[in-house]
Amino acid sequence: MNKEKNICQIKNKSINPDTLFRVLDLIEGNSKITQRELAKKTGVSLGSVNYCLKGLLKKGYIKINNFSKDPNKLHYLYILTPMGISQKATLTKEFLRRKLIEYKLLKKEIERLTQISSKNNV
């Protein structure tokens, strides 16, 4: 079982910490990014992105402002709050730790398979 705490939870459903990290990272890089772009770049559904943004808003990690001058089109500006910036730093550290572990395990597996392959002249 994953011992890491999930920072966003709505109605007992938690949000994957990697998704949270990626959403915060993308918002920090482009505050005018759309939910569809976030979904495409994170590889999750549009509904999951919407759910994630609601969780981030509820926790106070982001602010959402409407910036469209056209009343027929709604465009939002996603802004990381100071708490959001702090949480992103924590998530970045945890993300890197997880990815380094994955990398080391993959590297060992590749080395093992390479040895087996070379012994079998494959």
Protein backbone atom coordinates (compact mmCIF):
# COMPACT_ATOMS: atom_id res chain seq x y z
CA MET A 1 0.00 0.00 0.00
CA ASN A 2 1.25 3.49 -0.84
CA LYS A 3 2.30 5.19 2.38
CA GLU A 4 2.47 8.68 0.84
CA LYS A 5 -0.29 11.03 1.78
CA ASN A 6 -2.56 12.27 -0.97
CA ILE A 7 -2.74 16.04 -0.73
CA CYS A 8 -6.08 16.38 -2.49
CA GLN A 9 -9.14 14.42 -1.64
CA ILE A 10 -12.74 15.16 -2.55
CA LYS A 11 -15.52 12.88 -1.35
CA ASN A 12 -13.00 10.22 -0.24
CA LYS A 13 -11.42 10.00 -3.71
CA SER A 14 -7.73 10.89 -3.77
CA ILE A 15 -5.79 12.35 -6.67
CA ASN A 16 -2.59 10.70 -7.87
CA PRO A 17 0.43 12.72 -6.63
CA ASP A 18 2.12 12.45 -10.06
CA THR A 19 -0.95 14.00 -11.67
CA LEU A 20 -0.98 16.77 -9.07
CA PHE A 21 2.70 17.47 -9.69
CA ARG A 22 2.25 17.57 -13.46
CA VAL A 23 -0.83 19.81 -13.27
CA LEU A 24 0.89 22.27 -10.92
CA ASP A 25 4.03 22.22 -13.07
CA LEU A 26 2.06 22.89 -16.26
CA ILE A 27 0.05 25.67 -14.61
CA GLU A 28 3.23 27.28 -13.32
CA GLY A 29 4.64 27.22 -16.86
CA ASN A 30 1.47 28.52 -18.53
CA SER A 31 -1.27 30.04 -16.40
CA LYS A 32 -3.57 30.32 -19.46
CA ILE A 33 -3.46 26.57 -20.18
CA THR A 34 -6.87 25.02 -20.82
CA GLN A 35 -8.27 21.98 -19.08
CA ARG A 36 -8.17 20.12 -22.41
CA GLU A 37 -4.47 20.93 -22.80
CA LEU A 38 -3.84 19.81 -19.20
CA ALA A 39 -5.66 16.54 -19.90
CA LYS A 40 -3.67 15.91 -23.06
CA LYS A 41 -0.31 16.74 -21.49
CA THR A 42 -0.92 14.75 -18.31
CA GLY A 43 -2.51 11.78 -20.03
CA VAL A 44 -5.63 11.80 -17.88
CA SER A 45 -9.26 12.47 -18.76
CA LEU A 46 -10.77 15.93 -18.92
CA GLY A 47 -13.02 14.98 -15.99
CA SER A 48 -9.97 13.95 -13.94
CA VAL A 49 -8.29 17.29 -14.67
CA ASN A 50 -11.45 19.15 -13.64
CA TYR A 51 -11.60 17.08 -10.44
CA CYS A 52 -7.91 17.76 -9.76
CA LEU A 53 -8.34 21.52 -10.29
CA LYS A 54 -11.32 21.57 -7.93
CA GLY A 55 -9.20 19.80 -5.32
CA LEU A 56 -6.30 22.21 -5.79
CA LEU A 57 -8.70 25.16 -5.53
CA LYS A 58 -10.36 23.72 -2.41
CA LYS A 59 -6.95 23.21 -0.74
CA GLY A 60 -5.93 26.79 -1.62
CA TYR A 61 -3.06 25.76 -3.92
CA ILE A 62 -4.43 27.62 -6.95
CA LYS A 63 -6.67 30.58 -7.74
CA ILE A 64 -8.85 30.58 -10.83
CA ASN A 65 -9.70 33.84 -12.57
CA ASN A 66 -11.81 34.45 -15.67
CA PHE A 67 -9.88 36.59 -18.15
CA SER A 68 -12.01 36.43 -21.31
CA LYS A 69 -13.38 39.63 -22.79
CA ASP A 70 -15.71 37.64 -25.03
CA PRO A 71 -18.86 36.78 -23.02
CA ASN A 72 -19.48 33.71 -25.21
CA LYS A 73 -16.13 32.12 -24.41
CA LEU A 74 -14.83 31.46 -20.96
CA HIS A 75 -11.09 31.44 -20.48
CA TYR A 76 -9.49 30.89 -17.15
CA LEU A 77 -6.22 31.91 -15.65
CA TYR A 78 -4.81 29.40 -13.16
CA ILE A 79 -2.48 30.96 -10.61
CA LEU A 80 -0.41 29.10 -8.04
CA THR A 81 -0.80 30.55 -4.56
CA PRO A 82 2.16 30.73 -2.17
CA MET A 83 0.80 27.50 -0.60
CA GLY A 84 0.61 25.99 -4.09
CA ILE A 85 4.21 26.92 -4.82
CA SER A 86 5.29 25.33 -1.55
CA GLN A 87 3.23 22.20 -2.24
CA LYS A 88 4.67 21.97 -5.77
CA ALA A 89 8.19 22.02 -4.29
CA THR A 90 7.24 19.14 -1.98
CA LEU A 91 5.62 17.22 -4.84
CA THR A 92 8.69 17.82 -7.03
CA LYS A 93 10.95 16.31 -4.38
CA GLU A 94 8.65 13.28 -3.96
CA PHE A 95 8.26 12.89 -7.74
CA LEU A 96 12.03 12.87 -8.25
CA ARG A 97 12.50 10.37 -5.43
CA ARG A 98 9.92 7.99 -6.96
CA LYS A 99 11.34 8.36 -10.47
CA LEU A 100 14.90 7.73 -9.26
CA ILE A 101 13.77 4.51 -7.59
CA GLU A 102 11.97 3.48 -10.79
CA TYR A 103 15.09 4.34 -12.81
CA LYS A 104 17.37 2.25 -10.58
CA LEU A 105 15.01 -0.72 -10.75
CA LEU A 106 14.71 -0.43 -14.52
CA LYS A 107 18.48 -0.14 -14.88
CA LYS A 108 18.98 -3.35 -12.86
CA GLU A 109 16.35 -5.15 -14.92
CA ILE A 110 17.96 -4.02 -18.19
CA GLU A 111 21.39 -5.15 -16.98
CA ARG A 112 19.98 -8.53 -15.94
CA LEU A 113 18.19 -9.06 -19.25
CA THR A 114 21.25 -7.92 -21.21
CA GLN A 115 23.38 -10.51 -19.39
CA ILE A 116 20.84 -13.25 -20.06
CA SER A 117 20.60 -12.17 -23.70
CA SER A 118 24.38 -12.16 -24.19
CA LYS A 119 24.71 -15.60 -22.55
CA ASN A 120 22.10 -16.95 -24.95
CA ASN A 121 23.72 -15.19 -27.93
CA VAL A 122 20.49 -13.32 -28.69
